[in-house]
Every structure is written in C-alpha cells, then in structure tokens.
Amino acid sequence: MAKTKELSKDTRNKIVDLHQVGKTESAIGKQLGLKKSTVGAIIRKWKTYKTTDNLPRSGAPRKISPRGVKMITRTVSKNPRTTRGDLVNDLQRAGTKVTKPTISNTLRRQGLKSCSDRRVPLLKPVHVQARLKFAREHLDDPDEDWENVIWSDETKIELFGKNSTRRVWRTKNTIPTVKHGGGNIMLWGCFSAKGPGRLICVKERMNGAMYREILSENLLPSASALKMKRVWVFQHDNNPKHTARATKEWLRKKHFKVLEWPSQSPDLNPIERELKVRVAQRQPQNITALEEICMEEWAKIPATVCENLVKTYRKRLTSVIYPLLAMTKY
C-alpha cells in the first residue's frame, strides 16, 4: 500500500476552520479536493486533542518484551563477557527471535555498551602522587633524553583466546585490577628508540639472583647491539626483584643510571602492548608455538616502530597527568 502524502499544517487548520463554520465533511472534502475520510480524521483528532499538530508516534513495537529486557540485562550484569550471540540464543530458547543489532540497541537503552575489556592497575593515593610527580618531572625532557633510554619489562603472555582483547558489557570501560596474575609464559625483553634488544623466555620462577643474571647476560649485549651512547639510562619497574638491595648494589657497581619509575605504571611502558598485539594476531595454539611466535614477532618489530613509541612518549605522559589531576585535590 502506497504511503499517502501528509497534509500541511495550513490545510489541517483550514479543515477545522470550515468545520467550525458549519460545513459538512463531504463539503469540506469537495472544496479542498480531499477524501471525506481524511477530513473526518482531522476533525476527530482536533475534537479529541484540541490540536491539528502531529502527535508522537509509538513506532514499531519492541522485539524484546520488558521481561526479556530484564533477563538479558541481568545476564550481562552477572557476566559482562556474555556475547550478543549468547543472548540471541537465550532469547530464542525463551521464544523470542532477534538479531545481534537488536541486542546491542536494547542494552544501549539500558545504559550498557560493548567495550573492550581494558584493565587498569588499581591505584592507591600514593601511586597517584608518584605517577603525577614522575609525569611533571619528565614532561619537558627533550626527545634526545628518551632516545637514550633502554626500556625493559617482564611480560606474561597467555595463549590466544585467553589474553586477547575481549568485549564486555558495562557502563564504565575499566576494571581496577591488582597487577599480578596468571600466565603461560614469562618473557623478559628490552628495546630503545633504535630497535628491539634481546628477548628471552624465563623458564623458572624468577627471583632476584635470576634477574641479575638476566641483566648480566642480556642488558649489556643489547646496549652494544643497539649502539647506545657511552652513558645511557636503564628503565625497569618497581618489582621487588628490581628494588632489592642486592639488585640496586649490582646496578651501582655496573655504573648503570636507572630511571626512577612510579609503582603500578605498566601503561607508561611502551613495551607492554606492542608484542602482545602482534602475538595475538598469529593465534598460537600451544605453549611451544607461543614461545616461537613471541621470538619471531619480537625480531620482526621494525626500528621505526620503536622510534615512534619513544617519540610519542611525551604524549603518553600528558595523557597520564589530566586523569590524575581529577583524582587529587589541589
């Protein structure tokens, strides 16, 4: 059935005016060239609502009943990682057939949206102050200073499907976490603006003595291969193995200049994400493949990527300052 053209407001008002002076619906229709039924509908609307304006339309009925909305909202509240496919199946079992976009639209109206499962460290006030102090002290450092840093990190990497990016339903896009957690393999690696240094797989539980051995066997060779300046700066986080008295003494005897690093700051380290993204794209299926792929992808990281990570470091420091200012009172 073809959609009829909507009458202008002037025409609707004229119908009412003619009706008020006593003309019949048939006479009005003939005068204005309209169907009697159309004239009658306008007059009934005016008598009921005292207006000829268009009224709000109800639109198509919702595909999901209020009961169904409560069900899927409760489901994602209990388990934010529930997928749209899971919800489609749940509703289908309950007798309602819907599409994935309908699920998204329904949950969005409930104040929920699909977000990447981004985790942030749980920051105590002392961590906030330390991060803010670090950012302020180094925000104006010249690019040459950052290019003279060897960045290092220990990273736990799980098989694809366990630590790959997941979607979650929530009203806020972060989950406060404690830093330590499970993992399948542990890697230690370093790099500078000139490219990646060495990457090794740590087979045993690392302690202070093992950490110093890793530095002894890998840090200086990396600095030599990267052709660092005679005096360069070493970065590592505040892991207890790194801040142990024996480790500090070892670094002092080796005449290493160490960059002071705020606690709970993995997001400040450019090494943290680059390798994990590359490994996840390869989708390793077992631990052996995971280790091999890590080594392959690390070796393939171009020097230009490392250089860009370091060049954009000031931007990352700036992005740290403003959220922290909102968490503090000045």
C-alpha atoms as a PDB file:
ATOM      1  CA  MET A   1       0.000   0.000   0.000  1.00  0.00           C
ATOM      2  CA  ALA A   2       1.498   3.354  -1.052  1.00  0.00           C
ATOM      3  CA  LYS A   3       2.194   5.866   1.654  1.00  0.00           C
ATOM      4  CA  THR A   4      -0.091   8.926   1.374  1.00  0.00           C
ATOM      5  CA  LYS A   5       1.330  12.426   1.406  1.00  0.00           C
ATOM      6  CA  GLU A   6       0.976  14.146   4.762  1.00  0.00           C
ATOM      7  CA  LEU A   7      -1.309  17.208   4.800  1.00  0.00           C
ATOM      8  CA  SER A   8       0.312  20.553   5.533  1.00  0.00           C
ATOM      9  CA  LYS A   9      -0.483  22.292   8.793  1.00  0.00           C
ATOM     10  CA  ASP A  10      -2.294  25.069   6.863  1.00  0.00           C
ATOM     11  CA  THR A  11      -4.590  22.514   5.188  1.00  0.00           C
ATOM     12  CA  ARG A  12      -5.362  20.832   8.524  1.00  0.00           C
ATOM     13  CA  ASN A  13      -6.185  24.191  10.097  1.00  0.00           C
ATOM     14  CA  LYS A  14      -8.418  25.113   7.117  1.00  0.00           C
ATOM     15  CA  ILE A  15     -10.385  21.872   7.581  1.00  0.00           C
ATOM     16  CA  VAL A  16     -11.046  22.778  11.212  1.00  0.00           C
ATOM     17  CA  ASP A  17     -11.999  26.346  10.304  1.00  0.00           C
ATOM     18  CA  LEU A  18     -14.537  25.145   7.702  1.00  0.00           C
ATOM     19  CA  HIS A  19     -15.927  22.602  10.181  1.00  0.00           C
ATOM     20  CA  GLN A  20     -16.408  25.343  12.802  1.00  0.00           C
ATOM     21  CA  VAL A  21     -18.487  27.476  10.378  1.00  0.00           C
ATOM     22  CA  GLY A  22     -20.863  24.538   9.883  1.00  0.00           C
ATOM     23  CA  LYS A  23     -19.683  22.868   6.698  1.00  0.00           C
ATOM     24  CA  THR A  24     -20.032  19.077   6.438  1.00  0.00           C
ATOM     25  CA  GLU A  25     -17.119  16.688   5.930  1.00  0.00           C
ATOM     26  CA  SER A  26     -18.288  15.992   2.353  1.00  0.00           C
ATOM     27  CA  ALA A  27     -18.456  19.707   1.519  1.00  0.00           C
ATOM     28  CA  ILE A  28     -15.028  20.347   3.008  1.00  0.00           C
ATOM     29  CA  GLY A  29     -13.600  17.425   1.053  1.00  0.00           C
ATOM     30  CA  LYS A  30     -15.017  18.683  -2.243  1.00  0.00           C
ATOM     31  CA  GLN A  31     -13.798  22.227  -1.607  1.00  0.00           C
ATOM     32  CA  LEU A  32     -10.247  21.186  -0.732  1.00  0.00           C
ATOM     33  CA  GLY A  33     -10.010  18.187  -3.038  1.00  0.00           C
ATOM     34  CA  LEU A  34      -9.679  15.688  -0.166  1.00  0.00           C
ATOM     35  CA  LYS A  35     -11.308  12.402   0.723  1.00  0.00           C
ATOM     36  CA  LYS A  36     -14.169  12.558   3.202  1.00  0.00           C
ATOM     37  CA  SER A  37     -12.355  10.035   5.415  1.00  0.00           C
ATOM     38  CA  THR A  38      -9.258  12.254   5.545  1.00  0.00           C
ATOM     39  CA  VAL A  39     -11.327  15.272   6.532  1.00  0.00           C
ATOM     40  CA  GLY A  40     -13.135  13.240   9.185  1.00  0.00           C
ATOM     41  CA  ALA A  41      -9.861  12.015  10.690  1.00  0.00           C
ATOM     42  CA  ILE A  42      -8.535  15.585  11.031  1.00  0.00           C
ATOM     43  CA  ILE A  43     -11.773  16.782  12.638  1.00  0.00           C
ATOM     44  CA  ARG A  44     -11.861  13.852  15.127  1.00  0.00           C
ATOM     45  CA  LYS A  45      -8.249  14.488  16.054  1.00  0.00           C
ATOM     46  CA  TRP A  46      -8.995  18.158  16.680  1.00  0.00           C
ATOM     47  CA  LYS A  47     -12.034  17.319  18.826  1.00  0.00           C
ATOM     48  CA  THR A  48     -10.040  14.817  20.903  1.00  0.00           C
ATOM     49  CA  TYR A  49      -6.711  16.598  21.322  1.00  0.00           C
ATOM     50  CA  LYS A  50      -7.625  20.248  20.546  1.00  0.00           C
ATOM     51  CA  THR A  51      -4.762  20.425  18.059  1.00  0.00           C
ATOM     52  CA  THR A  52      -4.011  19.659  14.434  1.00  0.00           C
ATOM     53  CA  ASP A  53      -0.283  19.119  15.102  1.00  0.00           C
ATOM     54  CA  ASN A  54       1.235  15.717  14.517  1.00  0.00           C
ATOM     55  CA  LEU A  55       1.193  13.611  17.667  1.00  0.00           C
ATOM     56  CA  PRO A  56       4.169  11.498  18.814  1.00  0.00           C
ATOM     57  CA  ARG A  57       4.126   8.145  17.063  1.00  0.00           C
ATOM     58  CA  SER A  58       4.620   4.932  19.009  1.00  0.00           C
ATOM     59  CA  GLY A  59       6.688   3.342  16.247  1.00  0.00           C
ATOM     60  CA  ALA A  60       7.136  -0.381  15.727  1.00  0.00           C
ATOM     61  CA  PRO A  61       6.656  -2.495  18.857  1.00  0.00           C
ATOM     62  CA  ARG A  62       9.808  -3.620  20.636  1.00  0.00           C
ATOM     63  CA  LYS A  63      11.078  -7.002  19.541  1.00  0.00           C
ATOM     64  CA  ILE A  64      12.053  -7.866  23.117  1.00  0.00           C
ATOM     65  CA  SER A  65       9.420  -7.792  25.837  1.00  0.00           C
ATOM     66  CA  PRO A  66      10.064  -5.961  29.135  1.00  0.00           C
ATOM     67  CA  ARG A  67      10.569  -9.366  30.732  1.00  0.00           C
ATOM     68  CA  GLY A  68      13.133 -10.279  28.070  1.00  0.00           C
ATOM     69  CA  VAL A  69      14.940  -6.973  28.581  1.00  0.00           C
ATOM     70  CA  LYS A  70      15.217  -7.678  32.304  1.00  0.00           C
ATOM     71  CA  MET A  71      16.537 -11.163  31.560  1.00  0.00           C
ATOM     72  CA  ILE A  72      19.364 -10.097  29.245  1.00  0.00           C
ATOM     73  CA  THR A  73      20.251  -7.093  31.423  1.00  0.00           C
ATOM     74  CA  ARG A  74      20.541  -9.374  34.438  1.00  0.00           C
ATOM     75  CA  THR A  75      22.646 -11.826  32.416  1.00  0.00           C
ATOM     76  CA  VAL A  76      25.249  -9.254  31.317  1.00  0.00           C
ATOM     77  CA  SER A  77      25.310  -7.705  34.781  1.00  0.00           C
ATOM     78  CA  LYS A  78      26.307 -11.073  36.247  1.00  0.00           C
ATOM     79  CA  ASN A  79      28.696 -11.890  33.404  1.00  0.00           C
ATOM     80  CA  PRO A  80      29.849  -8.810  31.410  1.00  0.00           C
ATOM     81  CA  ARG A  81      31.663 -11.059  28.904  1.00  0.00           C
ATOM     82  CA  THR A  82      28.398 -12.560  27.658  1.00  0.00           C
ATOM     83  CA  THR A  83      28.340 -12.212  23.864  1.00  0.00           C
ATOM     84  CA  ARG A  84      25.462 -10.986  21.733  1.00  0.00           C
ATOM     85  CA  GLY A  85      25.265 -14.461  20.229  1.00  0.00           C
ATOM     86  CA  ASP A  86      24.755 -15.938  23.701  1.00  0.00           C
ATOM     87  CA  LEU A  87      21.911 -13.512  24.349  1.00  0.00           C
ATOM     88  CA  VAL A  88      20.314 -14.219  20.973  1.00  0.00           C
ATOM     89  CA  ASN A  89      20.315 -17.929  21.845  1.00  0.00           C
ATOM     90  CA  ASP A  90      18.918 -17.278  25.343  1.00  0.00           C
ATOM     91  CA  LEU A  91      16.008 -15.299  23.916  1.00  0.00           C
ATOM     92  CA  GLN A  92      15.390 -17.824  21.174  1.00  0.00           C
ATOM     93  CA  ARG A  93      15.051 -20.566  23.787  1.00  0.00           C
ATOM     94  CA  ALA A  94      12.521 -18.304  25.516  1.00  0.00           C
ATOM     95  CA  GLY A  95      10.557 -17.984  22.273  1.00  0.00           C
ATOM     96  CA  THR A  96      11.833 -14.605  21.001  1.00  0.00           C
ATOM     97  CA  LYS A  97      13.790 -14.388  17.753  1.00  0.00           C
ATOM     98  CA  VAL A  98      16.009 -11.304  17.463  1.00  0.00           C
ATOM     99  CA  THR A  99      19.220 -10.203  15.749  1.00  0.00           C
ATOM    100  CA  LYS A 100      22.512  -9.130  17.295  1.00  0.00           C
ATOM    101  CA  PRO A 101      21.954  -5.407  16.460  1.00  0.00           C
ATOM    102  CA  THR A 102      18.640  -5.614  18.336  1.00  0.00           C
ATOM    103  CA  ILE A 103      20.545  -6.905  21.378  1.00  0.00           C
ATOM    104  CA  SER A 104      23.005  -4.004  21.137  1.00  0.00           C
ATOM    105  CA  ASN A 105      20.245  -1.401  20.800  1.00  0.00           C
ATOM    106  CA  THR A 106      18.259  -2.860  23.690  1.00  0.00           C
ATOM    107  CA  LEU A 107      21.221  -2.931  26.080  1.00  0.00           C
ATOM    108  CA  ARG A 108      22.274   0.553  24.998  1.00  0.00           C
ATOM    109  CA  ARG A 109      18.866   1.838  26.075  1.00  0.00           C
ATOM    110  CA  GLN A 110      19.581   0.251  29.461  1.00  0.00           C
ATOM    111  CA  GLY A 111      22.799   2.273  29.757  1.00  0.00           C
ATOM    112  CA  LEU A 112      25.096  -0.592  28.766  1.00  0.00           C
ATOM    113  CA  LYS A 113      27.524  -0.627  25.876  1.00  0.00           C
ATOM    114  CA  SER A 114      30.011  -3.066  24.411  1.00  0.00           C
ATOM    115  CA  CYS A 115      33.576  -2.118  25.325  1.00  0.00           C
ATOM    116  CA  SER A 116      36.993  -3.679  25.005  1.00  0.00           C
ATOM    117  CA  ASP A 117      37.996  -5.378  28.241  1.00  0.00           C
ATOM    118  CA  ARG A 118      40.596  -2.777  29.153  1.00  0.00           C
ATOM    119  CA  ARG A 119      42.172  -3.272  32.547  1.00  0.00           C
ATOM    120  CA  VAL A 120      43.937  -0.616  34.550  1.00  0.00           C
ATOM    121  CA  PRO A 121      46.067  -1.016  37.665  1.00  0.00           C
ATOM    122  CA  LEU A 122      44.425  -0.387  40.999  1.00  0.00           C
ATOM    123  CA  LEU A 123      45.854   2.956  42.110  1.00  0.00           C
ATOM    124  CA  LYS A 124      46.169   3.944  45.733  1.00  0.00           C
ATOM    125  CA  PRO A 125      46.678   7.635  46.639  1.00  0.00           C
ATOM    126  CA  VAL A 126      50.432   7.071  46.969  1.00  0.00           C
ATOM    127  CA  HIS A 127      50.516   5.607  43.435  1.00  0.00           C
ATOM    128  CA  VAL A 128      48.580   8.592  42.085  1.00  0.00           C
ATOM    129  CA  GLN A 129      51.032  11.049  43.639  1.00  0.00           C
ATOM    130  CA  ALA A 130      54.058   9.091  42.397  1.00  0.00           C
ATOM    131  CA  ARG A 131      52.710   8.934  38.846  1.00  0.00           C
ATOM    132  CA  LEU A 132      51.870  12.626  38.863  1.00  0.00           C
ATOM    133  CA  LYS A 133      55.325  13.518  40.205  1.00  0.00           C
ATOM    134  CA  PHE A 134      57.027  11.413  37.527  1.00  0.00           C
ATOM    135  CA  ALA A 135      54.955  12.936  34.715  1.00  0.00           C
ATOM    136  CA  ARG A 136      55.580  16.501  35.873  1.00  0.00           C
ATOM    137  CA  GLU A 137      59.314  15.960  36.294  1.00  0.00           C
ATOM    138  CA  HIS A 138      59.783  14.450  32.838  1.00  0.00           C
ATOM    139  CA  LEU A 139      57.124  16.160  30.716  1.00  0.00           C
ATOM    140  CA  ASP A 140      59.597  18.717  29.360  1.00  0.00           C
ATOM    141  CA  ASP A 141      62.513  16.336  28.864  1.00  0.00           C
ATOM    142  CA  PRO A 142      63.927  16.638  25.318  1.00  0.00           C
ATOM    143  CA  ASP A 143      63.421  13.774  22.861  1.00  0.00           C
ATOM    144  CA  GLU A 144      67.149  13.041  22.984  1.00  0.00           C
ATOM    145  CA  ASP A 145      66.852  12.011  26.644  1.00  0.00           C
ATOM    146  CA  TRP A 146      64.172   9.415  25.904  1.00  0.00           C
ATOM    147  CA  GLU A 147      66.142   8.128  22.909  1.00  0.00           C
ATOM    148  CA  ASN A 148      68.971   7.351  25.338  1.00  0.00           C
ATOM    149  CA  VAL A 149      66.826   5.019  27.461  1.00  0.00           C
ATOM    150  CA  ILE A 150      66.806   1.220  27.283  1.00  0.00           C
ATOM    151  CA  TRP A 151      63.302   0.132  28.266  1.00  0.00           C
ATOM    152  CA  SER A 152      62.784  -3.273  29.850  1.00  0.00           C
ATOM    153  CA  ASP A 153      59.895  -5.338  31.124  1.00  0.00           C
ATOM    154  CA  GLU A 154      58.829  -8.800  32.199  1.00  0.00           C
ATOM    155  CA  THR A 155      55.596  -9.760  30.494  1.00  0.00           C
ATOM    156  CA  LYS A 156      53.298 -12.724  30.965  1.00  0.00           C
ATOM    157  CA  ILE A 157      51.727 -13.851  27.721  1.00  0.00           C
ATOM    158  CA  GLU A 158      48.904 -16.369  27.516  1.00  0.00           C
ATOM    159  CA  LEU A 159      47.665 -18.412  24.631  1.00  0.00           C
ATOM    160  CA  PHE A 160      45.458 -16.592  22.132  1.00  0.00           C
ATOM    161  CA  GLY A 161      41.868 -16.602  23.305  1.00  0.00           C
ATOM    162  CA  LYS A 162      42.805 -16.110  26.957  1.00  0.00           C
ATOM    163  CA  ASN A 163      44.510 -12.739  26.991  1.00  0.00           C
ATOM    164  CA  SER A 164      43.355 -11.414  23.633  1.00  0.00           C
ATOM    165  CA  THR A 165      41.095  -8.380  23.588  1.00  0.00           C
ATOM    166  CA  ARG A 166      37.570  -9.288  24.671  1.00  0.00           C
ATOM    167  CA  ARG A 167      34.331  -7.361  24.575  1.00  0.00           C
ATOM    168  CA  VAL A 168      32.379  -6.705  27.744  1.00  0.00           C
ATOM    169  CA  TRP A 169      29.068  -5.035  28.594  1.00  0.00           C
ATOM    170  CA  ARG A 170      29.382  -2.290  31.183  1.00  0.00           C
ATOM    171  CA  THR A 171      28.686   1.320  31.993  1.00  0.00           C
ATOM    172  CA  LYS A 172      32.378   2.056  32.650  1.00  0.00           C
ATOM    173  CA  ASN A 173      35.210   0.906  30.425  1.00  0.00           C
ATOM    174  CA  THR A 174      37.804  -0.109  33.012  1.00  0.00           C
ATOM    175  CA  ILE A 175      38.225  -2.845  35.598  1.00  0.00           C
ATOM    176  CA  PRO A 176      40.506  -1.941  38.549  1.00  0.00           C
ATOM    177  CA  THR A 177      42.944  -4.824  38.992  1.00  0.00           C
ATOM    178  CA  VAL A 178      45.860  -5.902  41.084  1.00  0.00           C
ATOM    179  CA  LYS A 179      48.925  -6.123  38.861  1.00  0.00           C
ATOM    180  CA  HIS A 180      49.907  -9.764  39.442  1.00  0.00           C
ATOM    181  CA  GLY A 181      48.030 -12.588  37.740  1.00  0.00           C
ATOM    182  CA  GLY A 182      48.347 -15.939  35.984  1.00  0.00           C
ATOM    183  CA  GLY A 183      50.067 -16.545  32.664  1.00  0.00           C
ATOM    184  CA  ASN A 184      51.505 -19.195  30.404  1.00  0.00           C
ATOM    185  CA  ILE A 185      54.990 -17.965  29.641  1.00  0.00           C
ATOM    186  CA  MET A 186      57.120 -15.214  31.134  1.00  0.00           C
ATOM    187  CA  LEU A 187      59.310 -13.072  28.887  1.00  0.00           C
ATOM    188  CA  TRP A 188      61.978 -10.502  29.637  1.00  0.00           C
ATOM    189  CA  GLY A 189      62.866  -8.070  26.900  1.00  0.00           C
ATOM    190  CA  CYS A 190      64.342  -4.639  26.272  1.00  0.00           C
ATOM    191  CA  PHE A 191      64.442  -2.090  23.496  1.00  0.00           C
ATOM    192  CA  SER A 192      65.368   1.504  22.735  1.00  0.00           C
ATOM    193  CA  ALA A 193      64.453   4.054  20.103  1.00  0.00           C
ATOM    194  CA  LYS A 194      66.978   2.316  17.858  1.00  0.00           C
ATOM    195  CA  GLY A 195      65.127  -1.005  17.843  1.00  0.00           C
ATOM    196  CA  PRO A 196      64.426  -4.146  19.867  1.00  0.00           C
ATOM    197  CA  GLY A 197      67.085  -5.600  22.130  1.00  0.00           C
ATOM    198  CA  ARG A 198      67.149  -9.148  23.401  1.00  0.00           C
ATOM    199  CA  LEU A 199      64.059 -11.145  24.359  1.00  0.00           C
ATOM    200  CA  ILE A 200      64.296 -14.301  26.463  1.00  0.00           C
ATOM    201  CA  CYS A 201      61.802 -16.773  27.869  1.00  0.00           C
ATOM    202  CA  VAL A 202      62.109 -17.224  31.624  1.00  0.00           C
ATOM    203  CA  LYS A 203      61.625 -20.931  32.275  1.00  0.00           C
ATOM    204  CA  GLU A 204      61.670 -20.875  36.059  1.00  0.00           C
ATOM    205  CA  ARG A 205      60.177 -18.725  38.772  1.00  0.00           C
ATOM    206  CA  MET A 206      62.276 -15.581  38.727  1.00  0.00           C
ATOM    207  CA  ASN A 207      63.985 -14.332  41.870  1.00  0.00           C
ATOM    208  CA  GLY A 208      66.458 -11.541  42.481  1.00  0.00           C
ATOM    209  CA  ALA A 209      69.526 -13.629  41.658  1.00  0.00           C
ATOM    210  CA  MET A 210      67.999 -14.843  38.374  1.00  0.00           C
ATOM    211  CA  TYR A 211      67.003 -11.306  37.461  1.00  0.00           C
ATOM    212  CA  ARG A 212      70.543 -10.037  37.967  1.00  0.00           C
ATOM    213  CA  GLU A 213      71.808 -12.936  35.860  1.00  0.00           C
ATOM    214  CA  ILE A 214      69.381 -11.982  33.064  1.00  0.00           C
ATOM    215  CA  LEU A 215      70.633  -8.405  33.141  1.00  0.00           C
ATOM    216  CA  SER A 216      74.244  -9.544  33.178  1.00  0.00           C
ATOM    217  CA  GLU A 217      73.787 -11.813  30.148  1.00  0.00           C
ATOM    218  CA  ASN A 218      71.391  -9.686  28.090  1.00  0.00           C
ATOM    219  CA  LEU A 219      71.366  -5.999  29.006  1.00  0.00           C
ATOM    220  CA  LEU A 220      74.928  -5.042  28.088  1.00  0.00           C
ATOM    221  CA  PRO A 221      74.886  -7.092  24.842  1.00  0.00           C
ATOM    222  CA  SER A 222      71.622  -5.342  23.936  1.00  0.00           C
ATOM    223  CA  ALA A 223      73.132  -1.924  24.624  1.00  0.00           C
ATOM    224  CA  SER A 224      76.108  -2.825  22.432  1.00  0.00           C
ATOM    225  CA  ALA A 225      73.948  -4.148  19.585  1.00  0.00           C
ATOM    226  CA  LEU A 226      71.720  -1.051  19.734  1.00  0.00           C
ATOM    227  CA  LYS A 227      74.819   1.176  19.634  1.00  0.00           C
ATOM    228  CA  MET A 228      73.757   3.179  22.668  1.00  0.00           C
ATOM    229  CA  LYS A 229      75.768   6.152  23.833  1.00  0.00           C
ATOM    230  CA  ARG A 230      78.521   5.572  26.347  1.00  0.00           C
ATOM    231  CA  VAL A 231      76.246   6.772  29.151  1.00  0.00           C
ATOM    232  CA  TRP A 232      72.684   5.530  28.775  1.00  0.00           C
ATOM    233  CA  VAL A 233      69.703   5.157  31.107  1.00  0.00           C
ATOM    234  CA  PHE A 234      68.101   1.875  32.139  1.00  0.00           C
ATOM    235  CA  GLN A 235      64.369   1.600  32.837  1.00  0.00           C
ATOM    236  CA  HIS A 236      62.670  -1.135  34.831  1.00  0.00           C
ATOM    237  CA  ASP A 237      59.627  -1.054  37.088  1.00  0.00           C
ATOM    238  CA  ASN A 238      59.365  -1.342  40.869  1.00  0.00           C
ATOM    239  CA  ASN A 239      59.047  -5.105  41.054  1.00  0.00           C
ATOM    240  CA  PRO A 240      60.569  -6.272  44.380  1.00  0.00           C
ATOM    241  CA  LYS A 241      63.293  -8.144  42.439  1.00  0.00           C
ATOM    242  CA  HIS A 242      64.284  -4.861  40.828  1.00  0.00           C
ATOM    243  CA  THR A 243      64.292  -2.791  44.007  1.00  0.00           C
ATOM    244  CA  ALA A 244      66.030  -5.394  46.185  1.00  0.00           C
ATOM    245  CA  ARG A 245      69.159  -4.134  47.906  1.00  0.00           C
ATOM    246  CA  ALA A 246      71.343  -6.694  46.098  1.00  0.00           C
ATOM    247  CA  THR A 247      69.973  -5.613  42.698  1.00  0.00           C
ATOM    248  CA  LYS A 248      70.488  -1.931  43.459  1.00  0.00           C
ATOM    249  CA  GLU A 249      74.041  -2.647  44.550  1.00  0.00           C
ATOM    250  CA  TRP A 250      74.707  -4.674  41.399  1.00  0.00           C
ATOM    251  CA  LEU A 251      73.419  -1.825  39.213  1.00  0.00           C
ATOM    252  CA  ARG A 252      75.521   0.680  41.147  1.00  0.00           C
ATOM    253  CA  LYS A 253      78.710  -1.378  40.698  1.00  0.00           C
ATOM    254  CA  LYS A 254      77.980  -1.649  36.973  1.00  0.00           C
ATOM    255  CA  HIS A 255      77.569   2.159  36.882  1.00  0.00           C
ATOM    256  CA  PHE A 256      74.073   1.912  35.382  1.00  0.00           C
ATOM    257  CA  LYS A 257      71.967   5.032  35.553  1.00  0.00           C
ATOM    258  CA  VAL A 258      68.432   3.914  36.435  1.00  0.00           C
ATOM    259  CA  LEU A 259      65.267   5.837  35.563  1.00  0.00           C
ATOM    260  CA  GLU A 260      63.127   6.300  38.666  1.00  0.00           C
ATOM    261  CA  TRP A 261      59.810   4.613  37.894  1.00  0.00           C
ATOM    262  CA  PRO A 262      56.432   5.066  39.640  1.00  0.00           C
ATOM    263  CA  SER A 263      54.715   1.973  41.033  1.00  0.00           C
ATOM    264  CA  GLN A 264      51.728   0.400  39.262  1.00  0.00           C
ATOM    265  CA  SER A 265      52.545   2.053  35.932  1.00  0.00           C
ATOM    266  CA  PRO A 266      52.541  -0.615  33.197  1.00  0.00           C
ATOM    267  CA  ASP A 267      50.683   1.732  30.871  1.00  0.00           C
ATOM    268  CA  LEU A 268      53.641   4.108  30.870  1.00  0.00           C
ATOM    269  CA  ASN A 269      55.932   1.457  29.402  1.00  0.00           C
ATOM    270  CA  PRO A 270      55.937   1.368  25.569  1.00  0.00           C
ATOM    271  CA  ILE A 271      56.956  -2.315  25.543  1.00  0.00           C
ATOM    272  CA  GLU A 272      53.814  -3.598  27.261  1.00  0.00           C
ATOM    273  CA  ARG A 273      51.370  -3.706  24.346  1.00  0.00           C
ATOM    274  CA  GLU A 274      53.373  -3.921  21.132  1.00  0.00           C
ATOM    275  CA  LEU A 275      54.418  -7.573  21.380  1.00  0.00           C
ATOM    276  CA  LYS A 276      51.091  -8.825  22.747  1.00  0.00           C
ATOM    277  CA  VAL A 277      49.151  -7.353  19.833  1.00  0.00           C
ATOM    278  CA  ARG A 278      51.457  -8.978  17.309  1.00  0.00           C
ATOM    279  CA  VAL A 279      51.330 -12.374  19.022  1.00  0.00           C
ATOM    280  CA  ALA A 280      47.528 -12.318  19.338  1.00  0.00           C
ATOM    281  CA  GLN A 281      47.236 -11.786  15.577  1.00  0.00           C
ATOM    282  CA  ARG A 282      49.178 -15.017  14.999  1.00  0.00           C
ATOM    283  CA  GLN A 283      46.822 -17.084  17.192  1.00  0.00           C
ATOM    284  CA  PRO A 284      49.273 -19.637  18.656  1.00  0.00           C
ATOM    285  CA  GLN A 285      47.594 -22.904  19.654  1.00  0.00           C
ATOM    286  CA  ASN A 286      50.078 -24.309  22.174  1.00  0.00           C
ATOM    287  CA  ILE A 287      52.849 -23.185  24.507  1.00  0.00           C
ATOM    288  CA  THR A 288      55.673 -24.204  22.171  1.00  0.00           C
ATOM    289  CA  ALA A 289      54.149 -22.256  19.300  1.00  0.00           C
ATOM    290  CA  LEU A 290      53.502 -19.331  21.628  1.00  0.00           C
ATOM    291  CA  GLU A 291      57.165 -19.069  22.587  1.00  0.00           C
ATOM    292  CA  GLU A 292      58.352 -19.425  18.985  1.00  0.00           C
ATOM    293  CA  ILE A 293      55.899 -16.799  17.739  1.00  0.00           C
ATOM    294  CA  CYS A 294      56.929 -14.390  20.501  1.00  0.00           C
ATOM    295  CA  MET A 295      60.560 -14.641  19.434  1.00  0.00           C
ATOM    296  CA  GLU A 296      59.687 -14.296  15.746  1.00  0.00           C
ATOM    297  CA  GLU A 297      57.431 -11.291  16.228  1.00  0.00           C
ATOM    298  CA  TRP A 298      59.895  -9.564  18.530  1.00  0.00           C
ATOM    299  CA  ALA A 299      62.657  -9.909  15.961  1.00  0.00           C
ATOM    300  CA  LYS A 300      60.334  -8.510  13.260  1.00  0.00           C
ATOM    301  CA  ILE A 301      59.461  -5.314  15.125  1.00  0.00           C
ATOM    302  CA  PRO A 302      60.975  -2.565  12.933  1.00  0.00           C
ATOM    303  CA  ALA A 303      63.276   0.017  14.461  1.00  0.00           C
ATOM    304  CA  THR A 304      60.857   2.668  13.185  1.00  0.00           C
ATOM    305  CA  VAL A 305      58.115   1.277  15.471  1.00  0.00           C
ATOM    306  CA  CYS A 306      60.411   1.515  18.482  1.00  0.00           C
ATOM    307  CA  GLU A 307      61.454   5.004  17.459  1.00  0.00           C
ATOM    308  CA  ASN A 308      57.840   6.113  17.153  1.00  0.00           C
ATOM    309  CA  LEU A 309      56.930   4.644  20.549  1.00  0.00           C
ATOM    310  CA  VAL A 310      59.672   6.680  22.154  1.00  0.00           C
ATOM    311  CA  LYS A 311      58.892   9.841  20.186  1.00  0.00           C
ATOM    312  CA  THR A 312      55.275   9.775  21.344  1.00  0.00           C
ATOM    313  CA  TYR A 313      56.265   9.280  24.967  1.00  0.00           C
ATOM    314  CA  ARG A 314      55.566  12.896  25.903  1.00  0.00           C
ATOM    315  CA  LYS A 315      52.010  12.471  24.629  1.00  0.00           C
ATOM    316  CA  ARG A 316      51.563   9.463  26.907  1.00  0.00           C
ATOM    317  CA  LEU A 317      52.864  11.455  29.864  1.00  0.00           C
ATOM    318  CA  THR A 318      50.367  14.212  29.080  1.00  0.00           C
ATOM    319  CA  SER A 319      47.537  11.667  28.925  1.00  0.00           C
ATOM    320  CA  VAL A 320      48.570  10.482  32.394  1.00  0.00           C
ATOM    321  CA  ILE A 321      48.550  13.902  34.045  1.00  0.00           C
ATOM    322  CA  TYR A 322      44.983  15.069  33.386  1.00  0.00           C
ATOM    323  CA  PRO A 323      43.142  11.993  34.715  1.00  0.00           C
ATOM    324  CA  LEU A 324      45.349  12.039  37.802  1.00  0.00           C
ATOM    325  CA  LEU A 325      44.621  15.702  38.448  1.00  0.00           C
ATOM    326  CA  ALA A 326      40.950  14.814  38.588  1.00  0.00           C
ATOM    327  CA  MET A 327      41.759  12.242  41.288  1.00  0.00           C
ATOM    328  CA  THR A 328      43.621  14.682  43.503  1.00  0.00           C
ATOM    329  CA  LYS A 329      42.711  17.894  45.299  1.00  0.00           C
ATOM    330  CA  TYR A 330      44.816  20.974  44.739  1.00  0.00           C
END
